Structures are given as structure tokens and as C-alpha cells.
Amino acid sequence: MIDWLMAAMVVLGGFFCFVAGLGILRLPDVLIRMHASTKAGTLGAGLILGAGAVYFGDGATITRALAAILFLLLTAPVAAHMIGRAAFRDGVPLWKTKIEPGAEENLRR
């Protein structure tokens, strides 16, 4: 049963890391790319680290994995904020969207 849990965690973690990389490549704006890399990348890395902690199961490995996950959770939002702030202050052009007349009502739903 533990093997299935670890396999699911590694596969899901790999999927989220793939989505983070794909988001960096495909999304149009620096702020949107930053969001994809921090959210999905942190979740993917956390799942993979958690699977490693479950696999090895000793106290030292579990402590290191939890410390790494905590480090990611604390630093990823701060790094994303600083990257977004630097991009905004540097005048990086943002993605221009066009909202058709009457579409505001659909956005509110």
C-alpha cells in the first residue's frame, strides 16, 4: 500500500513540475509565468520530497524533507513577489487583453 502511495506522490509531483515548466514556456506575461512556476513547482517538489521521506522512513530523511518543503513554502512566495516587483518597476510590458463589450457580466458570474 505504501508503494502505491509513493508512486502516486512521485507521479503527481512530476506532473505538477511539468505543468510549472510548461507554464513558464507558454504563458504570455511575466506575472502569470511567475504564478505558474511558484504554485505548481512548489507543489510538485513538495510531493516528490514527501515521497522520498515516505520511502526512506528514517527520522533524519523525514526531517530533511520536511525542512526542504518548509523552505520552499516560505521562500517561493517571497521570491515571486520580488520578481514581480522588479519586473513592474523595470517597466516590463504586461499582457494586453481585450474584453469585448458586455463580457464584464460573464466575468462576474
PDB file of N, CA and C in Angstrom:
ATOM      1  N   MET A   1       0.825  -1.201   0.000  1.00  0.00           N
ATOM      2  CA  MET A   1       0.000   0.000   0.000  1.00  0.00           C
ATOM      3  C   MET A   1       0.867   1.263   0.000  1.00  0.00           C
ATOM      4  N   ILE A   2       1.950   1.228   0.772  1.00  0.00           N
ATOM      5  CA  ILE A   2       2.864   2.375   0.817  1.00  0.00           C
ATOM      6  C   ILE A   2       3.496   2.602  -0.548  1.00  0.00           C
ATOM      7  N   ASP A   3       3.776   1.524  -1.276  1.00  0.00           N
ATOM      8  CA  ASP A   3       4.372   1.662  -2.607  1.00  0.00           C
ATOM      9  C   ASP A   3       3.446   2.425  -3.550  1.00  0.00           C
ATOM     10  N   TRP A   4       2.160   2.148  -3.465  1.00  0.00           N
ATOM     11  CA  TRP A   4       1.200   2.855  -4.315  1.00  0.00           C
ATOM     12  C   TRP A   4       1.117   4.332  -3.936  1.00  0.00           C
ATOM     13  N   LEU A   5       1.179   4.614  -2.645  1.00  0.00           N
ATOM     14  CA  LEU A   5       1.152   5.994  -2.185  1.00  0.00           C
ATOM     15  C   LEU A   5       2.375   6.752  -2.690  1.00  0.00           C
ATOM     16  N   MET A   6       3.544   6.146  -2.561  1.00  0.00           N
ATOM     17  CA  MET A   6       4.772   6.792  -3.045  1.00  0.00           C
ATOM     18  C   MET A   6       4.739   6.984  -4.555  1.00  0.00           C
ATOM     19  N   ALA A   7       4.275   5.973  -5.273  1.00  0.00           N
ATOM     20  CA  ALA A   7       4.195   6.085  -6.729  1.00  0.00           C
ATOM     21  C   ALA A   7       3.244   7.214  -7.137  1.00  0.00           C
ATOM     22  N   ALA A   8       2.111   7.303  -6.453  1.00  0.00           N
ATOM     23  CA  ALA A   8       1.157   8.369  -6.763  1.00  0.00           C
ATOM     24  C   ALA A   8       1.750   9.740  -6.456  1.00  0.00           C
ATOM     25  N   MET A   9       2.476   9.848  -5.351  1.00  0.00           N
ATOM     26  CA  MET A   9       3.088  11.126  -4.993  1.00  0.00           C
ATOM     27  C   MET A   9       4.161  11.534  -5.998  1.00  0.00           C
ATOM     28  N   VAL A  10       4.971  10.583  -6.446  1.00  0.00           N
ATOM     29  CA  VAL A  10       6.020  10.901  -7.419  1.00  0.00           C
ATOM     30  C   VAL A  10       5.405  11.279  -8.768  1.00  0.00           C
ATOM     31  N   VAL A  11       4.401  10.536  -9.202  1.00  0.00           N
ATOM     32  CA  VAL A  11       3.765  10.835 -10.488  1.00  0.00           C
ATOM     33  C   VAL A  11       3.061  12.191 -10.430  1.00  0.00           C
ATOM     34  N   LEU A  12       2.325  12.464  -9.374  1.00  0.00           N
ATOM     35  CA  LEU A  12       1.659  13.759  -9.239  1.00  0.00           C
ATOM     36  C   LEU A  12       2.675  14.897  -9.122  1.00  0.00           C
ATOM     37  N   GLY A  13       3.733  14.657  -8.365  1.00  0.00           N
ATOM     38  CA  GLY A  13       4.778  15.671  -8.253  1.00  0.00           C
ATOM     39  C   GLY A  13       5.437  15.955  -9.588  1.00  0.00           C
ATOM     40  N   GLY A  14       5.734  14.908 -10.339  1.00  0.00           N
ATOM     41  CA  GLY A  14       6.304  15.093 -11.668  1.00  0.00           C
ATOM     42  C   GLY A  14       5.353  15.817 -12.600  1.00  0.00           C
ATOM     43  N   PHE A  15       4.063  15.498 -12.500  1.00  0.00           N
ATOM     44  CA  PHE A  15       3.059  16.175 -13.317  1.00  0.00           C
ATOM     45  C   PHE A  15       3.016  17.670 -13.009  1.00  0.00           C
ATOM     46  N   PHE A  16       3.000  18.015 -11.719  1.00  0.00           N
ATOM     47  CA  PHE A  16       2.944  19.430 -11.358  1.00  0.00           C
ATOM     48  C   PHE A  16       4.226  20.163 -11.742  1.00  0.00           C
ATOM     49  N   CYS A  17       5.377  19.507 -11.641  1.00  0.00           N
ATOM     50  CA  CYS A  17       6.623  20.136 -12.103  1.00  0.00           C
ATOM     51  C   CYS A  17       6.594  20.332 -13.615  1.00  0.00           C
ATOM     52  N   PHE A  18       6.035  19.375 -14.343  1.00  0.00           N
ATOM     53  CA  PHE A  18       5.880  19.516 -15.789  1.00  0.00           C
ATOM     54  C   PHE A  18       4.959  20.682 -16.125  1.00  0.00           C
ATOM     55  N   VAL A  19       3.858  20.799 -15.402  1.00  0.00           N
ATOM     56  CA  VAL A  19       2.916  21.901 -15.631  1.00  0.00           C
ATOM     57  C   VAL A  19       3.587  23.239 -15.329  1.00  0.00           C
ATOM     58  N   ALA A  20       4.418  23.295 -14.293  1.00  0.00           N
ATOM     59  CA  ALA A  20       5.133  24.529 -13.982  1.00  0.00           C
ATOM     60  C   ALA A  20       6.079  24.908 -15.115  1.00  0.00           C
ATOM     61  N   GLY A  21       6.811  23.939 -15.627  1.00  0.00           N
ATOM     62  CA  GLY A  21       7.708  24.216 -16.751  1.00  0.00           C
ATOM     63  C   GLY A  21       6.954  24.611 -18.003  1.00  0.00           C
ATOM     64  N   LEU A  22       5.857  23.941 -18.264  1.00  0.00           N
ATOM     65  CA  LEU A  22       5.036  24.279 -19.420  1.00  0.00           C
ATOM     66  C   LEU A  22       4.431  25.678 -19.277  1.00  0.00           C
ATOM     67  N   GLY A  23       4.047  26.026 -18.058  1.00  0.00           N
ATOM     68  CA  GLY A  23       3.503  27.356 -17.814  1.00  0.00           C
ATOM     69  C   GLY A  23       4.530  28.447 -18.059  1.00  0.00           C
ATOM     70  N   ILE A  24       5.784  28.182 -17.699  1.00  0.00           N
ATOM     71  CA  ILE A  24       6.832  29.166 -17.941  1.00  0.00           C
ATOM     72  C   ILE A  24       7.041  29.359 -19.440  1.00  0.00           C
ATOM     73  N   LEU A  25       6.944  28.288 -20.185  1.00  0.00           N
ATOM     74  CA  LEU A  25       7.156  28.386 -21.630  1.00  0.00           C
ATOM     75  C   LEU A  25       5.972  28.990 -22.377  1.00  0.00           C
ATOM     76  N   ARG A  26       4.765  28.681 -21.961  1.00  0.00           N
ATOM     77  CA  ARG A  26       3.590  29.009 -22.770  1.00  0.00           C
ATOM     78  C   ARG A  26       2.824  30.260 -22.345  1.00  0.00           C
ATOM     79  N   LEU A  27       2.917  30.653 -21.096  1.00  0.00           N
ATOM     80  CA  LEU A  27       2.102  31.774 -20.635  1.00  0.00           C
ATOM     81  C   LEU A  27       2.688  33.100 -21.115  1.00  0.00           C
ATOM     82  N   PRO A  28       1.833  34.098 -21.356  1.00  0.00           N
ATOM     83  CA  PRO A  28       2.270  35.298 -22.076  1.00  0.00           C
ATOM     84  C   PRO A  28       2.930  36.389 -21.238  1.00  0.00           C
ATOM     85  N   ASP A  29       2.769  36.394 -19.948  1.00  0.00           N
ATOM     86  CA  ASP A  29       3.157  37.536 -19.139  1.00  0.00           C
ATOM     87  C   ASP A  29       4.108  37.098 -18.035  1.00  0.00           C
ATOM     88  N   VAL A  30       4.984  37.980 -17.607  1.00  0.00           N
ATOM     89  CA  VAL A  30       5.940  37.634 -16.557  1.00  0.00           C
ATOM     90  C   VAL A  30       5.220  37.345 -15.241  1.00  0.00           C
ATOM     91  N   LEU A  31       4.172  38.048 -14.944  1.00  0.00           N
ATOM     92  CA  LEU A  31       3.450  37.814 -13.690  1.00  0.00           C
ATOM     93  C   LEU A  31       2.691  36.490 -13.711  1.00  0.00           C
ATOM     94  N   ILE A  32       2.128  36.155 -14.843  1.00  0.00           N
ATOM     95  CA  ILE A  32       1.401  34.887 -14.955  1.00  0.00           C
ATOM     96  C   ILE A  32       2.390  33.723 -14.948  1.00  0.00           C
ATOM     97  N   ARG A  33       3.527  33.877 -15.607  1.00  0.00           N
ATOM     98  CA  ARG A  33       4.566  32.841 -15.582  1.00  0.00           C
ATOM     99  C   ARG A  33       5.081  32.623 -14.165  1.00  0.00           C
ATOM    100  N   MET A  34       5.261  33.698 -13.452  1.00  0.00           N
ATOM    101  CA  MET A  34       5.734  33.621 -12.077  1.00  0.00           C
ATOM    102  C   MET A  34       4.739  32.844 -11.212  1.00  0.00           C
ATOM    103  N   HIS A  35       3.473  33.076 -11.423  1.00  0.00           N
ATOM    104  CA  HIS A  35       2.443  32.367 -10.668  1.00  0.00           C
ATOM    105  C   HIS A  35       2.504  30.868 -10.944  1.00  0.00           C
ATOM    106  N   ALA A  36       2.641  30.502 -12.213  1.00  0.00           N
ATOM    107  CA  ALA A  36       2.696  29.084 -12.567  1.00  0.00           C
ATOM    108  C   ALA A  36       3.917  28.410 -11.972  1.00  0.00           C
ATOM    109  N   SER A  37       5.046  29.080 -12.021  1.00  0.00           N
ATOM    110  CA  SER A  37       6.267  28.443 -11.524  1.00  0.00           C
ATOM    111  C   SER A  37       6.256  28.292 -10.010  1.00  0.00           C
ATOM    112  N   THR A  38       5.718  29.258  -9.295  1.00  0.00           N
ATOM    113  CA  THR A  38       5.752  29.151  -7.835  1.00  0.00           C
ATOM    114  C   THR A  38       4.702  28.184  -7.302  1.00  0.00           C
ATOM    115  N   LYS A  39       3.515  28.248  -7.806  1.00  0.00           N
ATOM    116  CA  LYS A  39       2.458  27.388  -7.260  1.00  0.00           C
ATOM    117  C   LYS A  39       2.661  25.920  -7.633  1.00  0.00           C
ATOM    118  N   ALA A  40       2.740  25.651  -8.922  1.00  0.00           N
ATOM    119  CA  ALA A  40       2.850  24.266  -9.360  1.00  0.00           C
ATOM    120  C   ALA A  40       4.222  23.682  -9.041  1.00  0.00           C
ATOM    121  N   GLY A  41       5.260  24.490  -9.147  1.00  0.00           N
ATOM    122  CA  GLY A  41       6.601  23.992  -8.847  1.00  0.00           C
ATOM    123  C   GLY A  41       6.774  23.629  -7.388  1.00  0.00           C
ATOM    124  N   THR A  42       6.249  24.437  -6.494  1.00  0.00           N
ATOM    125  CA  THR A  42       6.336  24.150  -5.068  1.00  0.00           C
ATOM    126  C   THR A  42       5.534  22.900  -4.714  1.00  0.00           C
ATOM    127  N   LEU A  43       4.343  22.775  -5.270  1.00  0.00           N
ATOM    128  CA  LEU A  43       3.528  21.591  -5.006  1.00  0.00           C
ATOM    129  C   LEU A  43       4.198  20.331  -5.543  1.00  0.00           C
ATOM    130  N   GLY A  44       4.729  20.400  -6.758  1.00  0.00           N
ATOM    131  CA  GLY A  44       5.399  19.242  -7.345  1.00  0.00           C
ATOM    132  C   GLY A  44       6.625  18.822  -6.561  1.00  0.00           C
ATOM    133  N   ALA A  45       7.467  19.781  -6.211  1.00  0.00           N
ATOM    134  CA  ALA A  45       8.666  19.457  -5.438  1.00  0.00           C
ATOM    135  C   ALA A  45       8.299  18.930  -4.052  1.00  0.00           C
ATOM    136  N   GLY A  46       7.265  19.496  -3.445  1.00  0.00           N
ATOM    137  CA  GLY A  46       6.824  19.013  -2.135  1.00  0.00           C
ATOM    138  C   GLY A  46       6.324  17.582  -2.178  1.00  0.00           C
ATOM    139  N   LEU A  47       5.590  17.231  -3.225  1.00  0.00           N
ATOM    140  CA  LEU A  47       5.106  15.854  -3.351  1.00  0.00           C
ATOM    141  C   LEU A  47       6.261  14.875  -3.567  1.00  0.00           C
ATOM    142  N   ILE A  48       7.231  15.260  -4.377  1.00  0.00           N
ATOM    143  CA  ILE A  48       8.372  14.373  -4.615  1.00  0.00           C
ATOM    144  C   ILE A  48       9.209  14.221  -3.347  1.00  0.00           C
ATOM    145  N   LEU A  49       9.436  15.318  -2.631  1.00  0.00           N
ATOM    146  CA  LEU A  49      10.170  15.228  -1.364  1.00  0.00           C
ATOM    147  C   LEU A  49       9.399  14.398  -0.335  1.00  0.00           C
ATOM    148  N   GLY A  50       8.085  14.550  -0.317  1.00  0.00           N
ATOM    149  CA  GLY A  50       7.271  13.738   0.589  1.00  0.00           C
ATOM    150  C   GLY A  50       7.347  12.259   0.264  1.00  0.00           C
ATOM    151  N   ALA A  51       7.380  11.926  -1.022  1.00  0.00           N
ATOM    152  CA  ALA A  51       7.521  10.521  -1.416  1.00  0.00           C
ATOM    153  C   ALA A  51       8.870   9.966  -0.985  1.00  0.00           C
ATOM    154  N   GLY A  52       9.912  10.764  -1.104  1.00  0.00           N
ATOM    155  CA  GLY A  52      11.226  10.328  -0.633  1.00  0.00           C
ATOM    156  C   GLY A  52      11.250  10.114   0.865  1.00  0.00           C
ATOM    157  N   ALA A  53      10.576  10.978   1.602  1.00  0.00           N
ATOM    158  CA  ALA A  53      10.508  10.819   3.055  1.00  0.00           C
ATOM    159  C   ALA A  53       9.751   9.560   3.434  1.00  0.00           C
ATOM    160  N   VAL A  54       8.670   9.263   2.719  1.00  0.00           N
ATOM    161  CA  VAL A  54       7.898   8.045   2.998  1.00  0.00           C
ATOM    162  C   VAL A  54       8.714   6.800   2.643  1.00  0.00           C
ATOM    163  N   TYR A  55       9.458   6.866   1.539  1.00  0.00           N
ATOM    164  CA  TYR A  55      10.230   5.706   1.096  1.00  0.00           C
ATOM    165  C   TYR A  55      11.334   5.347   2.086  1.00  0.00           C
ATOM    166  N   PHE A  56      12.125   6.332   2.492  1.00  0.00           N
ATOM    167  CA  PHE A  56      13.235   6.029   3.386  1.00  0.00           C
ATOM    168  C   PHE A  56      12.776   5.848   4.821  1.00  0.00           C
ATOM    169  N   GLY A  57      11.877   6.658   5.296  1.00  0.00           N
ATOM    170  CA  GLY A  57      11.218   6.445   6.569  1.00  0.00           C
ATOM    171  C   GLY A  57      12.039   6.675   7.820  1.00  0.00           C
ATOM    172  N   ASP A  58      13.316   6.974   7.733  1.00  0.00           N
ATOM    173  CA  ASP A  58      14.068   7.233   8.959  1.00  0.00           C
ATOM    174  C   ASP A  58      13.921   8.699   9.367  1.00  0.00           C
ATOM    175  N   GLY A  59      14.215   8.971  10.606  1.00  0.00           N
ATOM    176  CA  GLY A  59      13.978  10.305  11.149  1.00  0.00           C
ATOM    177  C   GLY A  59      14.764  11.404  10.465  1.00  0.00           C
ATOM    178  N   ALA A  60      16.018  11.113  10.124  1.00  0.00           N
ATOM    179  CA  ALA A  60      16.852  12.141   9.501  1.00  0.00           C
ATOM    180  C   ALA A  60      16.322  12.531   8.123  1.00  0.00           C
ATOM    181  N   THR A  61      15.912  11.562   7.332  1.00  0.00           N
ATOM    182  CA  THR A  61      15.405  11.850   5.995  1.00  0.00           C
ATOM    183  C   THR A  61      14.075  12.585   6.059  1.00  0.00           C
ATOM    184  N   ILE A  62      13.213  12.174   6.955  1.00  0.00           N
ATOM    185  CA  ILE A  62      11.922  12.845   7.110  1.00  0.00           C
ATOM    186  C   ILE A  62      12.125  14.291   7.549  1.00  0.00           C
ATOM    187  N   THR A  63      13.051  14.517   8.473  1.00  0.00           N
ATOM    188  CA  THR A  63      13.330  15.875   8.942  1.00  0.00           C
ATOM    189  C   THR A  63      13.872  16.741   7.814  1.00  0.00           C
ATOM    190  N   ARG A  64      14.782  16.195   7.025  1.00  0.00           N
ATOM    191  CA  ARG A  64      15.341  16.963   5.912  1.00  0.00           C
ATOM    192  C   ARG A  64      14.282  17.264   4.855  1.00  0.00           C
ATOM    193  N   ALA A  65      13.437  16.293   4.566  1.00  0.00           N
ATOM    194  CA  ALA A  65      12.392  16.519   3.571  1.00  0.00           C
ATOM    195  C   ALA A  65      11.401  17.573   4.060  1.00  0.00           C
ATOM    196  N   LEU A  66      11.001  17.490   5.314  1.00  0.00           N
ATOM    197  CA  LEU A  66      10.082  18.496   5.859  1.00  0.00           C
ATOM    198  C   LEU A  66      10.723  19.877   5.902  1.00  0.00           C
ATOM    199  N   ALA A  67      12.021  19.933   6.220  1.00  0.00           N
ATOM    200  CA  ALA A  67      12.716  21.221   6.221  1.00  0.00           C
ATOM    201  C   ALA A  67      12.778  21.800   4.809  1.00  0.00           C
ATOM    202  N   ALA A  68      13.030  20.962   3.811  1.00  0.00           N
ATOM    203  CA  ALA A  68      13.076  21.437   2.427  1.00  0.00           C
ATOM    204  C   ALA A  68      11.704  21.914   1.963  1.00  0.00           C
ATOM    205  N   ILE A  69      10.656  21.177   2.326  1.00  0.00           N
ATOM    206  CA  ILE A  69       9.288  21.586   1.960  1.00  0.00           C
ATOM    207  C   ILE A  69       8.938  22.907   2.636  1.00  0.00           C
ATOM    208  N   LEU A  70       9.269  23.039   3.916  1.00  0.00           N
ATOM    209  CA  LEU A  70       9.013  24.289   4.631  1.00  0.00           C
ATOM    210  C   LEU A  70       9.792  25.446   4.006  1.00  0.00           C
ATOM    211  N   PHE A  71      11.050  25.185   3.628  1.00  0.00           N
ATOM    212  CA  PHE A  71      11.862  26.207   2.972  1.00  0.00           C
ATOM    213  C   PHE A  71      11.215  26.652   1.663  1.00  0.00           C
ATOM    214  N   LEU A  72      10.730  25.701   0.871  1.00  0.00           N
ATOM    215  CA  LEU A  72      10.058  26.049  -0.384  1.00  0.00           C
ATOM    216  C   LEU A  72       8.791  26.869  -0.138  1.00  0.00           C
ATOM    217  N   LEU A  73       8.019  26.464   0.843  1.00  0.00           N
ATOM    218  CA  LEU A  73       6.770  27.166   1.138  1.00  0.00           C
ATOM    219  C   LEU A  73       7.015  28.589   1.636  1.00  0.00           C
ATOM    220  N   LEU A  74       8.143  28.801   2.310  1.00  0.00           N
ATOM    221  CA  LEU A  74       8.440  30.129   2.827  1.00  0.00           C
ATOM    222  C   LEU A  74       9.117  31.035   1.790  1.00  0.00           C
ATOM    223  N   THR A  75       9.949  30.462   0.941  1.00  0.00           N
ATOM    224  CA  THR A  75      10.736  31.304   0.039  1.00  0.00           C
ATOM    225  C   THR A  75      10.097  31.509  -1.330  1.00  0.00           C
ATOM    226  N   ALA A  76       9.305  30.588  -1.816  1.00  0.00           N
ATOM    227  CA  ALA A  76       8.719  30.731  -3.154  1.00  0.00           C
ATOM    228  C   ALA A  76       7.808  31.957  -3.263  1.00  0.00           C
ATOM    229  N   PRO A  77       6.923  32.220  -2.319  1.00  0.00           N
ATOM    230  CA  PRO A  77       6.092  33.426  -2.442  1.00  0.00           C
ATOM    231  C   PRO A  77       6.909  34.722  -2.355  1.00  0.00           C
ATOM    232  N   VAL A  78       7.927  34.725  -1.499  1.00  0.00           N
ATOM    233  CA  VAL A  78       8.754  35.917  -1.363  1.00  0.00           C
ATOM    234  C   VAL A  78       9.535  36.163  -2.648  1.00  0.00           C
ATOM    235  N   ALA A  79      10.107  35.104  -3.214  1.00  0.00           N
ATOM    236  CA  ALA A  79      10.848  35.242  -4.471  1.00  0.00           C
ATOM    237  C   ALA A  79       9.926  35.689  -5.600  1.00  0.00           C
ATOM    238  N   ALA A  80       8.731  35.133  -5.664  1.00  0.00           N
ATOM    239  CA  ALA A  80       7.778  35.527  -6.701  1.00  0.00           C
ATOM    240  C   ALA A  80       7.393  36.992  -6.547  1.00  0.00           C
ATOM    241  N   HIS A  81       7.195  37.423  -5.323  1.00  0.00           N
ATOM    242  CA  HIS A  81       6.855  38.823  -5.081  1.00  0.00           C
ATOM    243  C   HIS A  81       7.983  39.735  -5.528  1.00  0.00           C
ATOM    244  N   MET A  82       9.200  39.376  -5.200  1.00  0.00           N
ATOM    245  CA  MET A  82      10.337  40.223  -5.564  1.00  0.00           C
ATOM    246  C   MET A  82      10.566  40.244  -7.082  1.00  0.00           C
ATOM    247  N   ILE A  83      10.371  39.117  -7.743  1.00  0.00           N
ATOM    248  CA  ILE A  83      10.497  39.078  -9.205  1.00  0.00           C
ATOM    249  C   ILE A  83       9.408  39.933  -9.848  1.00  0.00           C
ATOM    250  N   GLY A  84       8.184  39.809  -9.376  1.00  0.00           N
ATOM    251  CA  GLY A  84       7.091  40.623  -9.904  1.00  0.00           C
ATOM    252  C   GLY A  84       7.300  42.106  -9.652  1.00  0.00           C
ATOM    253  N   ARG A  85       7.799  42.431  -8.481  1.00  0.00           N
ATOM    254  CA  ARG A  85       8.064  43.830  -8.153  1.00  0.00           C
ATOM    255  C   ARG A  85       9.172  44.402  -9.031  1.00  0.00           C
ATOM    256  N   ALA A  86      10.226  43.626  -9.227  1.00  0.00           N
ATOM    257  CA  ALA A  86      11.320  44.089 -10.086  1.00  0.00           C
ATOM    258  C   ALA A  86      10.851  44.258 -11.529  1.00  0.00           C
ATOM    259  N   ALA A  87      10.033  43.325 -11.997  1.00  0.00           N
ATOM    260  CA  ALA A  87       9.517  43.429 -13.366  1.00  0.00           C
ATOM    261  C   ALA A  87       8.618  44.652 -13.512  1.00  0.00           C
ATOM    262  N   PHE A  88       7.792  44.908 -12.519  1.00  0.00           N
ATOM    263  CA  PHE A  88       6.910  46.070 -12.572  1.00  0.00           C
ATOM    264  C   PHE A  88       7.705  47.373 -12.553  1.00  0.00           C
ATOM    265  N   ARG A  89       8.686  47.445 -11.668  1.00  0.00           N
ATOM    266  CA  ARG A  89       9.495  48.663 -11.573  1.00  0.00           C
ATOM    267  C   ARG A  89      10.365  48.887 -12.794  1.00  0.00           C
ATOM    268  N   ASP A  90      10.774  47.802 -13.445  1.00  0.00           N
ATOM    269  CA  ASP A  90      11.608  47.915 -14.639  1.00  0.00           C
ATOM    270  C   ASP A  90      10.785  48.257 -15.876  1.00  0.00           C
ATOM    271  N   GLY A  91       9.463  48.174 -15.742  1.00  0.00           N
ATOM    272  CA  GLY A  91       8.593  48.531 -16.856  1.00  0.00           C
ATOM    273  C   GLY A  91       8.405  47.423 -17.872  1.00  0.00           C
ATOM    274  N   VAL A  92       8.488  46.177 -17.427  1.00  0.00           N
ATOM    275  CA  VAL A  92       8.260  45.056 -18.334  1.00  0.00           C
ATOM    276  C   VAL A  92       6.816  45.117 -18.820  1.00  0.00           C
ATOM    277  N   PRO A  93       6.607  45.055 -20.134  1.00  0.00           N
ATOM    278  CA  PRO A  93       5.231  45.162 -20.637  1.00  0.00           C
ATOM    279  C   PRO A  93       4.385  43.973 -20.203  1.00  0.00           C
ATOM    280  N   LEU A  94       3.174  44.275 -19.792  1.00  0.00           N
ATOM    281  CA  LEU A  94       2.242  43.239 -19.368  1.00  0.00           C
ATOM    282  C   LEU A  94       1.396  42.794 -20.547  1.00  0.00           C
ATOM    283  N   TRP A  95       0.761  41.659 -20.382  1.00  0.00           N
ATOM    284  CA  TRP A  95      -0.075  41.082 -21.423  1.00  0.00           C
ATOM    285  C   TRP A  95      -1.297  41.958 -21.622  1.00  0.00           C
ATOM    286  N   LYS A  96      -1.534  42.344 -22.846  1.00  0.00           N
ATOM    287  CA  LYS A  96      -2.690  43.179 -23.168  1.00  0.00           C
ATOM    288  C   LYS A  96      -3.875  42.276 -23.491  1.00  0.00           C
ATOM    289  N   THR A  97      -4.933  42.438 -22.748  1.00  0.00           N
ATOM    290  CA  THR A  97      -6.147  41.672 -23.012  1.00  0.00           C
ATOM    291  C   THR A  97      -7.214  42.622 -23.536  1.00  0.00           C
ATOM    292  N   LYS A  98      -8.075  42.073 -24.310  1.00  0.00           N
ATOM    293  CA  LYS A  98      -9.184  42.855 -24.838  1.00  0.00           C
ATOM    294  C   LYS A  98     -10.476  42.213 -24.362  1.00  0.00           C
ATOM    295  N   ILE A  99     -11.261  42.957 -23.617  1.00  0.00           N
ATOM    296  CA  ILE A  99     -12.550  42.476 -23.132  1.00  0.00           C
ATOM    297  C   ILE A  99     -13.626  43.088 -24.013  1.00  0.00           C
ATOM    298  N   GLU A 100     -14.404  42.242 -24.622  1.00  0.00           N
ATOM    299  CA  GLU A 100     -15.479  42.694 -25.500  1.00  0.00           C
ATOM    300  C   GLU A 100     -16.567  43.377 -24.684  1.00  0.00           C
ATOM    301  N   PRO A 101     -17.292  44.336 -25.287  1.00  0.00           N
ATOM    302  CA  PRO A 101     -18.399  44.987 -24.574  1.00  0.00           C
ATOM    303  C   PRO A 101     -19.448  43.952 -24.164  1.00  0.00           C
ATOM    304  N   GLY A 102     -19.873  44.038 -22.931  1.00  0.00           N
ATOM    305  CA  GLY A 102     -20.863  43.105 -22.417  1.00  0.00           C
ATOM    306  C   GLY A 102     -20.258  41.863 -21.789  1.00  0.00           C
ATOM    307  N   ALA A 103     -18.963  41.670 -21.925  1.00  0.00           N
ATOM    308  CA  ALA A 103     -18.320  40.477 -21.371  1.00  0.00           C
ATOM    309  C   ALA A 103     -18.065  40.603 -19.877  1.00  0.00           C
ATOM    310  N   GLU A 104     -18.168  41.817 -19.341  1.00  0.00           N
ATOM    311  CA  GLU A 104     -17.929  42.022 -17.909  1.00  0.00           C
ATOM    312  C   GLU A 104     -18.936  41.228 -17.074  1.00  0.00           C
ATOM    313  N   GLU A 105     -20.150  41.110 -17.574  1.00  0.00           N
ATOM    314  CA  GLU A 105     -21.165  40.365 -16.830  1.00  0.00           C
ATOM    315  C   GLU A 105     -20.810  38.887 -16.758  1.00  0.00           C
ATOM    316  N   ASN A 106     -20.214  38.338 -17.812  1.00  0.00           N
ATOM    317  CA  ASN A 106     -19.799  36.948 -17.781  1.00  0.00           C
ATOM    318  C   ASN A 106     -18.638  36.726 -16.834  1.00  0.00           C
ATOM    319  N   LEU A 107     -17.784  37.725 -16.668  1.00  0.00           N
ATOM    320  CA  LEU A 107     -16.647  37.604 -15.771  1.00  0.00           C
ATOM    321  C   LEU A 107     -17.086  37.633 -14.307  1.00  0.00           C
ATOM    322  N   ARG A 108     -18.195  38.316 -14.011  1.00  0.00           N
ATOM    323  CA  ARG A 108     -18.658  38.420 -12.645  1.00  0.00           C
ATOM    324  C   ARG A 108     -19.338  37.160 -12.152  1.00  0.00           C
ATOM    325  N   ARG A 109     -19.799  36.316 -13.041  1.00  0.00           N
ATOM    326  CA  ARG A 109     -20.537  35.116 -12.627  1.00  0.00           C
ATOM    327  C   ARG A 109     -19.654  34.084 -12.043  1.00  0.00           C
TER     328      ARG A 109
END
